[in-house]
Amino acid sequence: MRAQQSFVSPEGSGNWQCPHEFGYYPHDTACDKYYSCESGVATLMTCGNGLAFDNTDTEFLKENCDYRHNVDCATRPELGRLAPAVHAAPCRHLYRATRTRPYVHG
């Protein structure tokens, strides 16, 4: 199972140039960052919390962030810090589906 979540990095793409008009390219040193190229314009992206960019696609067409233990980060050892866990409010209702319609327990 692959996990995909990413966001635009606030530091931007800098001087990095897209090698092709479209594609997804690994960052040189950071395993959790990658460049998204659209119409030749590079945008620096960061995989979501705890994820790393999987750079195994030799055609650079797949935008894939995966769990860090599934990605080889040997040549790109830098990793961002994990964000603290946020706990959601406790659930007050349990929704249960029946054959005809859902109803609320509690």
PDB file of N, CA and C in Angstrom:
ATOM      1  N   MET A   1       0.838  -1.174   0.000  1.00  0.00           N
ATOM      2  CA  MET A   1       0.000   0.000   0.000  1.00  0.00           C
ATOM      3  C   MET A   1       0.886   1.241   0.000  1.00  0.00           C
ATOM      4  N   ARG A   2       0.618   2.163  -0.860  1.00  0.00           N
ATOM      5  CA  ARG A   2       1.375   3.399  -0.973  1.00  0.00           C
ATOM      6  C   ARG A   2       0.591   4.545  -0.350  1.00  0.00           C
ATOM      7  N   ALA A   3       1.300   5.475   0.239  1.00  0.00           N
ATOM      8  CA  ALA A   3       0.669   6.642   0.845  1.00  0.00           C
ATOM      9  C   ALA A   3       1.071   7.876   0.067  1.00  0.00           C
ATOM     10  N   GLN A   4       0.132   8.740  -0.235  1.00  0.00           N
ATOM     11  CA  GLN A   4       0.430   9.947  -0.989  1.00  0.00           C
ATOM     12  C   GLN A   4      -0.094  11.160  -0.241  1.00  0.00           C
ATOM     13  N   GLN A   5       0.790  12.027   0.106  1.00  0.00           N
ATOM     14  CA  GLN A   5       0.432  13.300   0.717  1.00  0.00           C
ATOM     15  C   GLN A   5       1.628  14.213   0.536  1.00  0.00           C
ATOM     16  N   SER A   6       1.415  15.394   0.032  1.00  0.00           N
ATOM     17  CA  SER A   6       2.521  16.324  -0.158  1.00  0.00           C
ATOM     18  C   SER A   6       2.010  17.748  -0.098  1.00  0.00           C
ATOM     19  N   PHE A   7       2.942  18.689   0.035  1.00  0.00           N
ATOM     20  CA  PHE A   7       2.573  20.092   0.059  1.00  0.00           C
ATOM     21  C   PHE A   7       3.724  20.911  -0.505  1.00  0.00           C
ATOM     22  N   VAL A   8       3.417  22.119  -0.915  1.00  0.00           N
ATOM     23  CA  VAL A   8       4.420  23.009  -1.489  1.00  0.00           C
ATOM     24  C   VAL A   8       5.324  23.514  -0.369  1.00  0.00           C
ATOM     25  N   SER A   9       6.628  23.427  -0.585  1.00  0.00           N
ATOM     26  CA  SER A   9       7.583  23.897   0.411  1.00  0.00           C
ATOM     27  C   SER A   9       7.664  25.417   0.394  1.00  0.00           C
ATOM     28  N   PRO A  10       7.725  26.047   1.570  1.00  0.00           N
ATOM     29  CA  PRO A  10       7.749  27.510   1.609  1.00  0.00           C
ATOM     30  C   PRO A  10       9.010  28.126   0.996  1.00  0.00           C
ATOM     31  N   GLU A  11      10.126  27.373   0.942  1.00  0.00           N
ATOM     32  CA  GLU A  11      11.356  27.942   0.396  1.00  0.00           C
ATOM     33  C   GLU A  11      11.369  27.970  -1.135  1.00  0.00           C
ATOM     34  N   GLY A  12      10.358  27.415  -1.783  1.00  0.00           N
ATOM     35  CA  GLY A  12      10.254  27.471  -3.233  1.00  0.00           C
ATOM     36  C   GLY A  12      11.245  26.562  -3.948  1.00  0.00           C
ATOM     37  N   SER A  13      11.323  26.700  -5.262  1.00  0.00           N
ATOM     38  CA  SER A  13      12.161  25.800  -6.062  1.00  0.00           C
ATOM     39  C   SER A  13      13.572  26.333  -6.271  1.00  0.00           C
ATOM     40  N   GLY A  14      13.846  27.567  -5.898  1.00  0.00           N
ATOM     41  CA  GLY A  14      15.200  28.115  -6.037  1.00  0.00           C
ATOM     42  C   GLY A  14      15.634  28.184  -7.485  1.00  0.00           C
ATOM     43  N   ASN A  15      16.861  27.756  -7.773  1.00  0.00           N
ATOM     44  CA  ASN A  15      17.409  27.804  -9.128  1.00  0.00           C
ATOM     45  C   ASN A  15      17.293  26.479  -9.869  1.00  0.00           C
ATOM     46  N   TRP A  16      16.601  25.517  -9.306  1.00  0.00           N
ATOM     47  CA  TRP A  16      16.495  24.203  -9.943  1.00  0.00           C
ATOM     48  C   TRP A  16      15.688  24.326 -11.232  1.00  0.00           C
ATOM     49  N   GLN A  17      16.176  23.720 -12.292  1.00  0.00           N
ATOM     50  CA  GLN A  17      15.530  23.777 -13.601  1.00  0.00           C
ATOM     51  C   GLN A  17      14.947  22.415 -13.970  1.00  0.00           C
ATOM     52  N   CYS A  18      13.778  22.408 -14.526  1.00  0.00           N
ATOM     53  CA  CYS A  18      13.131  21.166 -14.965  1.00  0.00           C
ATOM     54  C   CYS A  18      13.869  20.592 -16.171  1.00  0.00           C
ATOM     55  N   PRO A  19      14.231  19.315 -16.129  1.00  0.00           N
ATOM     56  CA  PRO A  19      14.882  18.697 -17.287  1.00  0.00           C
ATOM     57  C   PRO A  19      13.904  18.416 -18.430  1.00  0.00           C
ATOM     58  N   HIS A  20      12.608  18.311 -18.101  1.00  0.00           N
ATOM     59  CA  HIS A  20      11.555  18.079 -19.093  1.00  0.00           C
ATOM     60  C   HIS A  20      10.357  18.950 -18.712  1.00  0.00           C
ATOM     61  N   GLU A  21       9.445  19.095 -19.627  1.00  0.00           N
ATOM     62  CA  GLU A  21       8.301  19.967 -19.400  1.00  0.00           C
ATOM     63  C   GLU A  21       7.419  19.482 -18.250  1.00  0.00           C
ATOM     64  N   PHE A  22       7.229  18.173 -18.136  1.00  0.00           N
ATOM     65  CA  PHE A  22       6.401  17.597 -17.081  1.00  0.00           C
ATOM     66  C   PHE A  22       7.164  16.485 -16.381  1.00  0.00           C
ATOM     67  N   GLY A  23       6.896  16.288 -15.099  1.00  0.00           N
ATOM     68  CA  GLY A  23       7.493  15.175 -14.367  1.00  0.00           C
ATOM     69  C   GLY A  23       7.694  15.481 -12.897  1.00  0.00           C
ATOM     70  N   TYR A  24       8.149  14.462 -12.168  1.00  0.00           N
ATOM     71  CA  TYR A  24       8.395  14.544 -10.732  1.00  0.00           C
ATOM     72  C   TYR A  24       9.809  14.049 -10.473  1.00  0.00           C
ATOM     73  N   TYR A  25      10.652  14.923  -9.908  1.00  0.00           N
ATOM     74  CA  TYR A  25      12.078  14.644  -9.790  1.00  0.00           C
ATOM     75  C   TYR A  25      12.534  14.744  -8.335  1.00  0.00           C
ATOM     76  N   PRO A  26      13.378  13.815  -7.889  1.00  0.00           N
ATOM     77  CA  PRO A  26      13.838  13.842  -6.500  1.00  0.00           C
ATOM     78  C   PRO A  26      14.726  15.049  -6.227  1.00  0.00           C
ATOM     79  N   HIS A  27      14.670  15.541  -5.012  1.00  0.00           N
ATOM     80  CA  HIS A  27      15.557  16.591  -4.536  1.00  0.00           C
ATOM     81  C   HIS A  27      16.955  15.993  -4.433  1.00  0.00           C
ATOM     82  N   ASP A  28      18.000  16.792  -4.600  1.00  0.00           N
ATOM     83  CA  ASP A  28      19.381  16.289  -4.585  1.00  0.00           C
ATOM     84  C   ASP A  28      19.807  15.725  -3.238  1.00  0.00           C
ATOM     85  N   THR A  29      19.378  16.341  -2.145  1.00  0.00           N
ATOM     86  CA  THR A  29      19.872  15.932  -0.830  1.00  0.00           C
ATOM     87  C   THR A  29      18.783  15.523   0.161  1.00  0.00           C
ATOM     88  N   ALA A  30      17.548  15.929  -0.056  1.00  0.00           N
ATOM     89  CA  ALA A  30      16.469  15.663   0.899  1.00  0.00           C
ATOM     90  C   ALA A  30      15.542  14.568   0.378  1.00  0.00           C
ATOM     91  N   CYS A  31      15.407  13.522   1.147  1.00  0.00           N
ATOM     92  CA  CYS A  31      14.606  12.376   0.725  1.00  0.00           C
ATOM     93  C   CYS A  31      13.105  12.669   0.760  1.00  0.00           C
ATOM     94  N   ASP A  32      12.680  13.605   1.578  1.00  0.00           N
ATOM     95  CA  ASP A  32      11.251  13.894   1.675  1.00  0.00           C
ATOM     96  C   ASP A  32      10.806  15.036   0.761  1.00  0.00           C
ATOM     97  N   LYS A  33      11.710  15.530  -0.095  1.00  0.00           N
ATOM     98  CA  LYS A  33      11.367  16.617  -1.012  1.00  0.00           C
ATOM     99  C   LYS A  33      11.523  16.158  -2.465  1.00  0.00           C
ATOM    100  N   TYR A  34      10.797  16.826  -3.342  1.00  0.00           N
ATOM    101  CA  TYR A  34      10.886  16.537  -4.774  1.00  0.00           C
ATOM    102  C   TYR A  34      10.396  17.755  -5.542  1.00  0.00           C
ATOM    103  N   TYR A  35      10.693  17.774  -6.831  1.00  0.00           N
ATOM    104  CA  TYR A  35      10.260  18.859  -7.698  1.00  0.00           C
ATOM    105  C   TYR A  35       9.146  18.368  -8.604  1.00  0.00           C
ATOM    106  N   SER A  36       8.109  19.151  -8.702  1.00  0.00           N
ATOM    107  CA  SER A  36       7.012  18.889  -9.621  1.00  0.00           C
ATOM    108  C   SER A  36       7.164  19.872 -10.773  1.00  0.00           C
ATOM    109  N   CYS A  37       7.272  19.357 -11.985  1.00  0.00           N
ATOM    110  CA  CYS A  37       7.417  20.206 -13.171  1.00  0.00           C
ATOM    111  C   CYS A  37       6.128  20.182 -13.972  1.00  0.00           C
ATOM    112  N   GLU A  38       5.597  21.357 -14.219  1.00  0.00           N
ATOM    113  CA  GLU A  38       4.401  21.488 -15.031  1.00  0.00           C
ATOM    114  C   GLU A  38       4.629  22.636 -15.992  1.00  0.00           C
ATOM    115  N   SER A  39       4.566  22.344 -17.278  1.00  0.00           N
ATOM    116  CA  SER A  39       4.845  23.329 -18.331  1.00  0.00           C
ATOM    117  C   SER A  39       6.231  23.940 -18.155  1.00  0.00           C
ATOM    118  N   GLY A  40       7.195  23.137 -17.678  1.00  0.00           N
ATOM    119  CA  GLY A  40       8.567  23.576 -17.509  1.00  0.00           C
ATOM    120  C   GLY A  40       8.830  24.401 -16.266  1.00  0.00           C
ATOM    121  N   VAL A  41       7.823  24.595 -15.423  1.00  0.00           N
ATOM    122  CA  VAL A  41       7.966  25.379 -14.196  1.00  0.00           C
ATOM    123  C   VAL A  41       8.111  24.414 -13.010  1.00  0.00           C
ATOM    124  N   ALA A  42       9.205  24.578 -12.255  1.00  0.00           N
ATOM    125  CA  ALA A  42       9.482  23.698 -11.114  1.00  0.00           C
ATOM    126  C   ALA A  42       8.848  24.249  -9.844  1.00  0.00           C
ATOM    127  N   THR A  43       8.236  23.348  -9.076  1.00  0.00           N
ATOM    128  CA  THR A  43       7.707  23.673  -7.763  1.00  0.00           C
ATOM    129  C   THR A  43       8.287  22.672  -6.782  1.00  0.00           C
ATOM    130  N   LEU A  44       8.930  23.169  -5.730  1.00  0.00           N
ATOM    131  CA  LEU A  44       9.484  22.279  -4.715  1.00  0.00           C
ATOM    132  C   LEU A  44       8.355  21.788  -3.826  1.00  0.00           C
ATOM    133  N   MET A  45       8.238  20.478  -3.712  1.00  0.00           N
ATOM    134  CA  MET A  45       7.185  19.846  -2.925  1.00  0.00           C
ATOM    135  C   MET A  45       7.829  19.080  -1.774  1.00  0.00           C
ATOM    136  N   THR A  46       7.069  18.881  -0.707  1.00  0.00           N
ATOM    137  CA  THR A  46       7.521  18.092   0.429  1.00  0.00           C
ATOM    138  C   THR A  46       6.474  17.036   0.722  1.00  0.00           C
ATOM    139  N   CYS A  47       6.917  15.796   0.863  1.00  0.00           N
ATOM    140  CA  CYS A  47       5.996  14.722   1.207  1.00  0.00           C
ATOM    141  C   CYS A  47       5.429  14.971   2.592  1.00  0.00           C
ATOM    142  N   GLY A  48       4.264  14.434   2.846  1.00  0.00           N
ATOM    143  CA  GLY A  48       3.605  14.597   4.138  1.00  0.00           C
ATOM    144  C   GLY A  48       4.400  13.986   5.279  1.00  0.00           C
ATOM    145  N   ASN A  49       3.942  14.212   6.455  1.00  0.00           N
ATOM    146  CA  ASN A  49       4.593  13.810   7.688  1.00  0.00           C
ATOM    147  C   ASN A  49       4.956  12.324   7.707  1.00  0.00           C
ATOM    148  N   GLY A  50       6.256  12.042   7.802  1.00  0.00           N
ATOM    149  CA  GLY A  50       6.723  10.659   7.884  1.00  0.00           C
ATOM    150  C   GLY A  50       6.895   9.973   6.544  1.00  0.00           C
ATOM    151  N   LEU A  51       6.699  10.693   5.445  1.00  0.00           N
ATOM    152  CA  LEU A  51       6.799  10.088   4.123  1.00  0.00           C
ATOM    153  C   LEU A  51       8.054  10.582   3.402  1.00  0.00           C
ATOM    154  N   ALA A  52       8.482   9.819   2.399  1.00  0.00           N
ATOM    155  CA  ALA A  52       9.648  10.175   1.586  1.00  0.00           C
ATOM    156  C   ALA A  52       9.279   9.997   0.119  1.00  0.00           C
ATOM    157  N   PHE A  53       9.970  10.731  -0.753  1.00  0.00           N
ATOM    158  CA  PHE A  53       9.681  10.642  -2.186  1.00  0.00           C
ATOM    159  C   PHE A  53      10.338   9.399  -2.769  1.00  0.00           C
ATOM    160  N   ASP A  54       9.533   8.568  -3.392  1.00  0.00           N
ATOM    161  CA  ASP A  54      10.012   7.339  -4.033  1.00  0.00           C
ATOM    162  C   ASP A  54      10.512   7.694  -5.428  1.00  0.00           C
ATOM    163  N   ASN A  55      11.831   7.609  -5.626  1.00  0.00           N
ATOM    164  CA  ASN A  55      12.430   8.021  -6.901  1.00  0.00           C
ATOM    165  C   ASN A  55      12.767   6.836  -7.804  1.00  0.00           C
ATOM    166  N   THR A  56      12.028   5.757  -7.703  1.00  0.00           N
ATOM    167  CA  THR A  56      12.331   4.569  -8.506  1.00  0.00           C
ATOM    168  C   THR A  56      11.744   4.619  -9.914  1.00  0.00           C
ATOM    169  N   ASP A  57      10.883   5.590 -10.202  1.00  0.00           N
ATOM    170  CA  ASP A  57      10.316   5.725 -11.543  1.00  0.00           C
ATOM    171  C   ASP A  57      11.345   6.366 -12.461  1.00  0.00           C
ATOM    172  N   THR A  58      11.923   5.588 -13.348  1.00  0.00           N
ATOM    173  CA  THR A  58      12.991   6.082 -14.228  1.00  0.00           C
ATOM    174  C   THR A  58      12.479   7.061 -15.293  1.00  0.00           C
ATOM    175  N   GLU A  59      11.160   7.112 -15.500  1.00  0.00           N
ATOM    176  CA  GLU A  59      10.591   8.052 -16.464  1.00  0.00           C
ATOM    177  C   GLU A  59      10.095   9.329 -15.789  1.00  0.00           C
ATOM    178  N   PHE A  60      10.131   9.374 -14.458  1.00  0.00           N
ATOM    179  CA  PHE A  60       9.768  10.553 -13.664  1.00  0.00           C
ATOM    180  C   PHE A  60       8.328  11.009 -13.893  1.00  0.00           C
ATOM    181  N   LEU A  61       7.434  10.055 -14.100  1.00  0.00           N
ATOM    182  CA  LEU A  61       6.041  10.388 -14.350  1.00  0.00           C
ATOM    183  C   LEU A  61       5.142  10.152 -13.138  1.00  0.00           C
ATOM    184  N   LYS A  62       5.657   9.477 -12.116  1.00  0.00           N
ATOM    185  CA  LYS A  62       4.844   9.150 -10.939  1.00  0.00           C
ATOM    186  C   LYS A  62       5.186  10.072  -9.773  1.00  0.00           C
ATOM    187  N   GLU A  63       4.160  10.675  -9.220  1.00  0.00           N
ATOM    188  CA  GLU A  63       4.308  11.486  -8.014  1.00  0.00           C
ATOM    189  C   GLU A  63       3.950  10.574  -6.852  1.00  0.00           C
ATOM    190  N   ASN A  64       4.972  10.020  -6.202  1.00  0.00           N
ATOM    191  CA  ASN A  64       4.704   9.011  -5.193  1.00  0.00           C
ATOM    192  C   ASN A  64       5.499   9.247  -3.915  1.00  0.00           C
ATOM    193  N   CYS A  65       4.796   9.607  -2.875  1.00  0.00           N
ATOM    194  CA  CYS A  65       5.385   9.653  -1.539  1.00  0.00           C
ATOM    195  C   CYS A  65       5.001   8.352  -0.849  1.00  0.00           C
ATOM    196  N   ASP A  66       5.952   7.752  -0.185  1.00  0.00           N
ATOM    197  CA  ASP A  66       5.718   6.460   0.450  1.00  0.00           C
ATOM    198  C   ASP A  66       6.301   6.507   1.866  1.00  0.00           C
ATOM    199  N   TYR A  67       5.989   5.509   2.659  1.00  0.00           N
ATOM    200  CA  TYR A  67       6.551   5.439   4.009  1.00  0.00           C
ATOM    201  C   TYR A  67       8.070   5.358   3.908  1.00  0.00           C
ATOM    202  N   ARG A  68       8.749   6.032   4.819  1.00  0.00           N
ATOM    203  CA  ARG A  68      10.216   6.131   4.751  1.00  0.00           C
ATOM    204  C   ARG A  68      10.902   4.777   4.729  1.00  0.00           C
ATOM    205  N   HIS A  69      10.358   3.793   5.416  1.00  0.00           N
ATOM    206  CA  HIS A  69      11.003   2.480   5.428  1.00  0.00           C
ATOM    207  C   HIS A  69      10.891   1.768   4.079  1.00  0.00           C
ATOM    208  N   ASN A  70      10.068   2.270   3.175  1.00  0.00           N
ATOM    209  CA  ASN A  70       9.935   1.685   1.837  1.00  0.00           C
ATOM    210  C   ASN A  70      10.791   2.392   0.787  1.00  0.00           C
ATOM    211  N   VAL A  71      11.464   3.489   1.171  1.00  0.00           N
ATOM    212  CA  VAL A  71      12.214   4.309   0.213  1.00  0.00           C
ATOM    213  C   VAL A  71      13.698   4.275   0.567  1.00  0.00           C
ATOM    214  N   ASP A  72      14.551   4.102  -0.453  1.00  0.00           N
ATOM    215  CA  ASP A  72      15.999   4.124  -0.255  1.00  0.00           C
ATOM    216  C   ASP A  72      16.468   5.578  -0.251  1.00  0.00           C
ATOM    217  N   CYS A  73      16.866   6.067   0.924  1.00  0.00           N
ATOM    218  CA  CYS A  73      17.305   7.460   1.081  1.00  0.00           C
ATOM    219  C   CYS A  73      18.829   7.563   1.205  1.00  0.00           C
ATOM    220  N   ALA A  74      19.561   6.540   0.784  1.00  0.00           N
ATOM    221  CA  ALA A  74      21.021   6.522   0.960  1.00  0.00           C
ATOM    222  C   ALA A  74      21.703   7.695   0.265  1.00  0.00           C
ATOM    223  N   THR A  75      21.264   8.073  -0.919  1.00  0.00           N
ATOM    224  CA  THR A  75      21.905   9.170  -1.647  1.00  0.00           C
ATOM    225  C   THR A  75      21.260  10.519  -1.350  1.00  0.00           C
ATOM    226  N   ARG A  76      20.161  10.528  -0.618  1.00  0.00           N
ATOM    227  CA  ARG A  76      19.452  11.760  -0.235  1.00  0.00           C
ATOM    228  C   ARG A  76      19.125  11.679   1.261  1.00  0.00           C
ATOM    229  N   PRO A  77      20.126  11.773   2.131  1.00  0.00           N
ATOM    230  CA  PRO A  77      19.931  11.454   3.543  1.00  0.00           C
ATOM    231  C   PRO A  77      19.156  12.480   4.374  1.00  0.00           C
ATOM    232  N   GLU A  78      19.010  13.705   3.906  1.00  0.00           N
ATOM    233  CA  GLU A  78      18.322  14.716   4.708  1.00  0.00           C
ATOM    234  C   GLU A  78      16.828  14.404   4.776  1.00  0.00           C
ATOM    235  N   LEU A  79      16.265  14.587   5.967  1.00  0.00           N
ATOM    236  CA  LEU A  79      14.835  14.384   6.173  1.00  0.00           C
ATOM    237  C   LEU A  79      14.314  15.497   7.066  1.00  0.00           C
ATOM    238  N   GLY A  80      13.146  15.993   6.737  1.00  0.00           N
ATOM    239  CA  GLY A  80      12.531  17.014   7.575  1.00  0.00           C
ATOM    240  C   GLY A  80      12.088  16.429   8.905  1.00  0.00           C
ATOM    241  N   ARG A  81      11.833  17.313   9.837  1.00  0.00           N
ATOM    242  CA  ARG A  81      11.361  16.860  11.147  1.00  0.00           C
ATOM    243  C   ARG A  81       9.912  16.435  11.055  1.00  0.00           C
ATOM    244  N   LEU A  82       9.554  15.452  11.851  1.00  0.00           N
ATOM    245  CA  LEU A  82       8.170  15.013  11.906  1.00  0.00           C
ATOM    246  C   LEU A  82       7.347  16.037  12.683  1.00  0.00           C
ATOM    247  N   ALA A  83       6.167  16.309  12.192  1.00  0.00           N
ATOM    248  CA  ALA A  83       5.263  17.218  12.896  1.00  0.00           C
ATOM    249  C   ALA A  83       4.653  16.463  14.074  1.00  0.00           C
ATOM    250  N   PRO A  84       4.361  17.165  15.163  1.00  0.00           N
ATOM    251  CA  PRO A  84       3.753  16.481  16.302  1.00  0.00           C
ATOM    252  C   PRO A  84       2.377  15.947  15.945  1.00  0.00           C
ATOM    253  N   ALA A  85       2.008  14.866  16.579  1.00  0.00           N
ATOM    254  CA  ALA A  85       0.705  14.252  16.332  1.00  0.00           C
ATOM    255  C   ALA A  85      -0.398  15.161  16.859  1.00  0.00           C
ATOM    256  N   VAL A  86      -1.469  15.254  16.111  1.00  0.00           N
ATOM    257  CA  VAL A  86      -2.621  16.042  16.524  1.00  0.00           C
ATOM    258  C   VAL A  86      -3.749  15.075  16.789  1.00  0.00           C
ATOM    259  N   HIS A  87      -4.314  15.154  17.970  1.00  0.00           N
ATOM    260  CA  HIS A  87      -5.404  14.251  18.328  1.00  0.00           C
ATOM    261  C   HIS A  87      -6.733  14.940  18.064  1.00  0.00           C
ATOM    262  N   ALA A  88      -7.596  14.237  17.393  1.00  0.00           N
ATOM    263  CA  ALA A  88      -8.917  14.771  17.087  1.00  0.00           C
ATOM    264  C   ALA A  88      -9.800  14.710  18.332  1.00  0.00           C
ATOM    265  N   ALA A  89     -10.852  15.476  18.314  1.00  0.00           N
ATOM    266  CA  ALA A  89     -11.814  15.445  19.417  1.00  0.00           C
ATOM    267  C   ALA A  89     -12.441  14.058  19.495  1.00  0.00           C
ATOM    268  N   PRO A  90     -12.805  13.637  20.697  1.00  0.00           N
ATOM    269  CA  PRO A  90     -13.401  12.309  20.830  1.00  0.00           C
ATOM    270  C   PRO A  90     -14.693  12.204  20.031  1.00  0.00           C
ATOM    271  N   CYS A  91     -14.940  11.052  19.522  1.00  0.00           N
ATOM    272  CA  CYS A  91     -16.130  10.783  18.722  1.00  0.00           C
ATOM    273  C   CYS A  91     -17.336  10.649  19.658  1.00  0.00           C
ATOM    274  N   ARG A  92     -18.424  11.349  19.337  1.00  0.00           N
ATOM    275  CA  ARG A  92     -19.618  11.275  20.182  1.00  0.00           C
ATOM    276  C   ARG A  92     -20.678  10.345  19.613  1.00  0.00           C
ATOM    277  N   HIS A  93     -20.572  10.036  18.342  1.00  0.00           N
ATOM    278  CA  HIS A  93     -21.585   9.196  17.717  1.00  0.00           C
ATOM    279  C   HIS A  93     -20.914   8.082  16.933  1.00  0.00           C
ATOM    280  N   LEU A  94     -21.566   6.972  16.900  1.00  0.00           N
ATOM    281  CA  LEU A  94     -21.131   5.850  16.078  1.00  0.00           C
ATOM    282  C   LEU A  94     -22.167   5.676  14.987  1.00  0.00           C
ATOM    283  N   TYR A  95     -21.733   5.789  13.746  1.00  0.00           N
ATOM    284  CA  TYR A  95     -22.649   5.609  12.633  1.00  0.00           C
ATOM    285  C   TYR A  95     -22.574   4.167  12.172  1.00  0.00           C
ATOM    286  N   ARG A  96     -23.718   3.579  11.998  1.00  0.00           N
ATOM    287  CA  ARG A  96     -23.773   2.182  11.597  1.00  0.00           C
ATOM    288  C   ARG A  96     -24.706   2.058  10.408  1.00  0.00           C
ATOM    289  N   ALA A  97     -24.257   1.375   9.374  1.00  0.00           N
ATOM    290  CA  ALA A  97     -25.074   1.221   8.174  1.00  0.00           C
ATOM    291  C   ALA A  97     -25.861  -0.079   8.246  1.00  0.00           C
ATOM    292  N   THR A  98     -27.092   0.007   7.802  1.00  0.00           N
ATOM    293  CA  THR A  98     -27.914  -1.190   7.658  1.00  0.00           C
ATOM    294  C   THR A  98     -28.174  -1.363   6.169  1.00  0.00           C
ATOM    295  N   ARG A  99     -28.910  -2.360   5.836  1.00  0.00           N
ATOM    296  CA  ARG A  99     -29.198  -2.568   4.409  1.00  0.00           C
ATOM    297  C   ARG A  99     -30.048  -1.442   3.828  1.00  0.00           C
ATOM    298  N   THR A 100     -30.842  -0.819   4.664  1.00  0.00           N
ATOM    299  CA  THR A 100     -31.750   0.198   4.134  1.00  0.00           C
ATOM    300  C   THR A 100     -31.222   1.612   4.307  1.00  0.00           C
ATOM    301  N   ARG A 101     -30.647   1.940   5.480  1.00  0.00           N
ATOM    302  CA  ARG A 101     -30.172   3.312   5.695  1.00  0.00           C
ATOM    303  C   ARG A 101     -29.239   3.356   6.916  1.00  0.00           C
ATOM    304  N   PRO A 102     -28.365   4.382   6.967  1.00  0.00           N
ATOM    305  CA  PRO A 102     -27.501   4.524   8.151  1.00  0.00           C
ATOM    306  C   PRO A 102     -28.302   5.100   9.319  1.00  0.00           C
ATOM    307  N   TYR A 103     -27.891   4.797  10.516  1.00  0.00           N
ATOM    308  CA  TYR A 103     -28.493   5.400  11.701  1.00  0.00           C
ATOM    309  C   TYR A 103     -27.425   5.666  12.738  1.00  0.00           C
ATOM    310  N   VAL A 104     -27.750   6.532  13.707  1.00  0.00           N
ATOM    311  CA  VAL A 104     -26.783   6.966  14.716  1.00  0.00           C
ATOM    312  C   VAL A 104     -26.999   6.211  16.008  1.00  0.00           C
ATOM    313  N   HIS A 105     -25.899   5.677  16.566  1.00  0.00           N
ATOM    314  CA  HIS A 105     -25.903   5.066  17.897  1.00  0.00           C
ATOM    315  C   HIS A 105     -25.385   6.088  18.881  1.00  0.00           C
ATOM    316  N   GLY A 106     -26.014   6.267  20.010  1.00  0.00           N
ATOM    317  CA  GLY A 106     -25.451   7.093  21.073  1.00  0.00           C
ATOM    318  C   GLY A 106     -25.875   8.508  21.116  1.00  0.00           C
TER     319      GLY A 106
END
